[in-house]
Amino acid sequence: MTIEQKMLINGLNDKVRQLLLIYERTKTERNTLRDELAERNAKIDELLMLMRELEEKNKKLQLVDAFKASSEDTREAKLKIGRIVRKIDKCMALLNN
């Protein structure tokens, strides 16, 4: 084996070692990123569930508000009916006289 061949083989060996180091670093980084992605996906799922719960609460609160408004409307309607009944009573009293 000549010196050139030995140098070529040593150079190739060095490059293979570098490639192996790069491969191992990349593999470690990929695993780290995969773990981070799994954590973030879990967090997203958790936040989506919380969002759904809050939307449901919001719907319930809106429904409660709608009933509150209806009870005020009912009160107003009762007052108007009361006034109308009193006017009818006055008219009947005038007719009976």
C-alpha atoms as a PDB file:
ATOM      1  CA  MET A   1       0.000   0.000   0.000  1.00  0.00           C
ATOM      2  CA  THR A   2       1.424   3.368  -0.947  1.00  0.00           C
ATOM      3  CA  ILE A   3       1.544   6.455   1.190  1.00  0.00           C
ATOM      4  CA  GLU A   4      -1.047   8.126  -1.041  1.00  0.00           C
ATOM      5  CA  GLN A   5      -3.420   5.231  -0.581  1.00  0.00           C
ATOM      6  CA  LYS A   6      -2.911   5.286   3.205  1.00  0.00           C
ATOM      7  CA  MET A   7      -3.544   9.038   3.263  1.00  0.00           C
ATOM      8  CA  LEU A   8      -6.640   8.542   1.137  1.00  0.00           C
ATOM      9  CA  ILE A   9      -7.906   5.782   3.454  1.00  0.00           C
ATOM     10  CA  ASN A  10      -7.155   7.902   6.549  1.00  0.00           C
ATOM     11  CA  GLY A  11      -8.980  10.852   4.972  1.00  0.00           C
ATOM     12  CA  LEU A  12     -11.970   8.631   4.186  1.00  0.00           C
ATOM     13  CA  ASN A  13     -11.920   7.234   7.736  1.00  0.00           C
ATOM     14  CA  ASP A  14     -11.921  10.785   9.136  1.00  0.00           C
ATOM     15  CA  LYS A  15     -14.842  11.744   6.899  1.00  0.00           C
ATOM     16  CA  VAL A  16     -16.775   8.614   7.905  1.00  0.00           C
ATOM     17  CA  ARG A  17     -16.194   9.477  11.607  1.00  0.00           C
ATOM     18  CA  GLN A  18     -17.390  13.028  10.968  1.00  0.00           C
ATOM     19  CA  LEU A  19     -20.460  11.718   9.185  1.00  0.00           C
ATOM     20  CA  LEU A  20     -21.167   9.354  12.097  1.00  0.00           C
ATOM     21  CA  LEU A  21     -20.845  12.249  14.562  1.00  0.00           C
ATOM     22  CA  ILE A  22     -23.151  14.377  12.458  1.00  0.00           C
ATOM     23  CA  TYR A  23     -25.585  11.456  12.182  1.00  0.00           C
ATOM     24  CA  GLU A  24     -25.601  10.920  15.968  1.00  0.00           C
ATOM     25  CA  ARG A  25     -26.094  14.655  16.633  1.00  0.00           C
ATOM     26  CA  THR A  26     -28.893  14.806  14.083  1.00  0.00           C
ATOM     27  CA  LYS A  27     -30.507  11.700  15.542  1.00  0.00           C
ATOM     28  CA  THR A  28     -30.357  13.178  19.064  1.00  0.00           C
ATOM     29  CA  GLU A  29     -31.733  16.495  17.827  1.00  0.00           C
ATOM     30  CA  ARG A  30     -34.541  14.711  15.963  1.00  0.00           C
ATOM     31  CA  ASN A  31     -35.494  12.785  19.103  1.00  0.00           C
ATOM     32  CA  THR A  32     -35.468  15.997  21.138  1.00  0.00           C
ATOM     33  CA  LEU A  33     -37.646  17.732  18.558  1.00  0.00           C
ATOM     34  CA  ARG A  34     -39.998  14.753  18.455  1.00  0.00           C
ATOM     35  CA  ASP A  35     -40.378  14.923  22.255  1.00  0.00           C
ATOM     36  CA  GLU A  36     -41.007  18.675  22.111  1.00  0.00           C
ATOM     37  CA  LEU A  37     -43.594  18.152  19.388  1.00  0.00           C
ATOM     38  CA  ALA A  38     -45.378  15.515  21.473  1.00  0.00           C
ATOM     39  CA  GLU A  39     -45.426  17.880  24.479  1.00  0.00           C
ATOM     40  CA  ARG A  40     -46.777  20.734  22.387  1.00  0.00           C
ATOM     41  CA  ASN A  41     -49.425  18.517  20.817  1.00  0.00           C
ATOM     42  CA  ALA A  42     -50.494  17.443  24.301  1.00  0.00           C
ATOM     43  CA  LYS A  43     -50.648  21.110  25.341  1.00  0.00           C
ATOM     44  CA  ILE A  44     -52.702  21.945  22.236  1.00  0.00           C
ATOM     45  CA  ASP A  45     -55.127  19.133  23.046  1.00  0.00           C
ATOM     46  CA  GLU A  46     -55.411  20.407  26.613  1.00  0.00           C
ATOM     47  CA  LEU A  47     -56.053  23.966  25.431  1.00  0.00           C
ATOM     48  CA  LEU A  48     -58.621  22.807  22.877  1.00  0.00           C
ATOM     49  CA  MET A  49     -60.469  20.925  25.601  1.00  0.00           C
ATOM     50  CA  LEU A  50     -60.383  24.014  27.821  1.00  0.00           C
ATOM     51  CA  MET A  51     -61.623  26.135  24.923  1.00  0.00           C
ATOM     52  CA  ARG A  52     -64.553  23.749  24.342  1.00  0.00           C
ATOM     53  CA  GLU A  53     -65.434  23.860  28.036  1.00  0.00           C
ATOM     54  CA  LEU A  54     -65.316  27.658  28.032  1.00  0.00           C
ATOM     55  CA  GLU A  55     -67.445  27.824  24.886  1.00  0.00           C
ATOM     56  CA  GLU A  56     -70.009  25.570  26.571  1.00  0.00           C
ATOM     57  CA  LYS A  57     -70.002  27.779  29.681  1.00  0.00           C
ATOM     58  CA  ASN A  58     -70.403  30.830  27.465  1.00  0.00           C
ATOM     59  CA  LYS A  59     -73.419  29.277  25.739  1.00  0.00           C
ATOM     60  CA  LYS A  60     -74.981  28.508  29.111  1.00  0.00           C
ATOM     61  CA  LEU A  61     -74.349  32.059  30.336  1.00  0.00           C
ATOM     62  CA  GLN A  62     -75.883  33.482  27.174  1.00  0.00           C
ATOM     63  CA  LEU A  63     -78.919  31.272  27.719  1.00  0.00           C
ATOM     64  CA  VAL A  64     -79.211  32.472  31.316  1.00  0.00           C
ATOM     65  CA  ASP A  65     -78.954  36.077  30.121  1.00  0.00           C
ATOM     66  CA  ALA A  66     -81.688  35.412  27.588  1.00  0.00           C
ATOM     67  CA  PHE A  67     -83.980  34.138  30.337  1.00  0.00           C
ATOM     68  CA  LYS A  68     -83.154  37.139  32.507  1.00  0.00           C
ATOM     69  CA  ALA A  69     -84.140  39.448  29.690  1.00  0.00           C
ATOM     70  CA  SER A  70     -87.315  37.436  29.213  1.00  0.00           C
ATOM     71  CA  SER A  71     -88.240  37.822  32.885  1.00  0.00           C
ATOM     72  CA  GLU A  72     -87.867  41.617  32.579  1.00  0.00           C
ATOM     73  CA  ASP A  73     -89.972  41.560  29.439  1.00  0.00           C
ATOM     74  CA  THR A  74     -92.566  39.507  31.314  1.00  0.00           C
ATOM     75  CA  ARG A  75     -92.609  42.084  34.100  1.00  0.00           C
ATOM     76  CA  GLU A  76     -93.113  44.879  31.580  1.00  0.00           C
ATOM     77  CA  ALA A  77     -95.888  42.925  29.894  1.00  0.00           C
ATOM     78  CA  LYS A  78     -97.640  42.343  33.240  1.00  0.00           C
ATOM     79  CA  LEU A  79     -97.468  46.059  34.030  1.00  0.00           C
ATOM     80  CA  LYS A  80     -98.954  46.974  30.637  1.00  0.00           C
ATOM     81  CA  ILE A  81    -101.714  44.384  31.036  1.00  0.00           C
ATOM     82  CA  GLY A  82    -102.439  45.797  34.491  1.00  0.00           C
ATOM     83  CA  ARG A  83    -102.798  49.318  33.051  1.00  0.00           C
ATOM     84  CA  ILE A  84    -105.050  48.079  30.261  1.00  0.00           C
ATOM     85  CA  VAL A  85    -107.257  46.203  32.738  1.00  0.00           C
ATOM     86  CA  ARG A  86    -107.585  49.340  34.891  1.00  0.00           C
ATOM     87  CA  LYS A  87    -108.572  51.385  31.820  1.00  0.00           C
ATOM     88  CA  ILE A  88    -111.171  48.752  30.877  1.00  0.00           C
ATOM     89  CA  ASP A  89    -112.510  48.821  34.447  1.00  0.00           C
ATOM     90  CA  LYS A  90    -112.831  52.635  34.247  1.00  0.00           C
ATOM     91  CA  CYS A  91    -114.618  52.379  30.904  1.00  0.00           C
ATOM     92  CA  MET A  92    -117.026  49.767  32.280  1.00  0.00           C
ATOM     93  CA  ALA A  93    -117.671  51.901  35.337  1.00  0.00           C
ATOM     94  CA  LEU A  94    -118.483  54.891  33.087  1.00  0.00           C
ATOM     95  CA  LEU A  95    -120.820  52.731  30.985  1.00  0.00           C
ATOM     96  CA  ASN A  96    -122.670  51.483  34.070  1.00  0.00           C
ATOM     97  CA  ASN A  97    -123.361  54.974  35.325  1.00  0.00           C
END
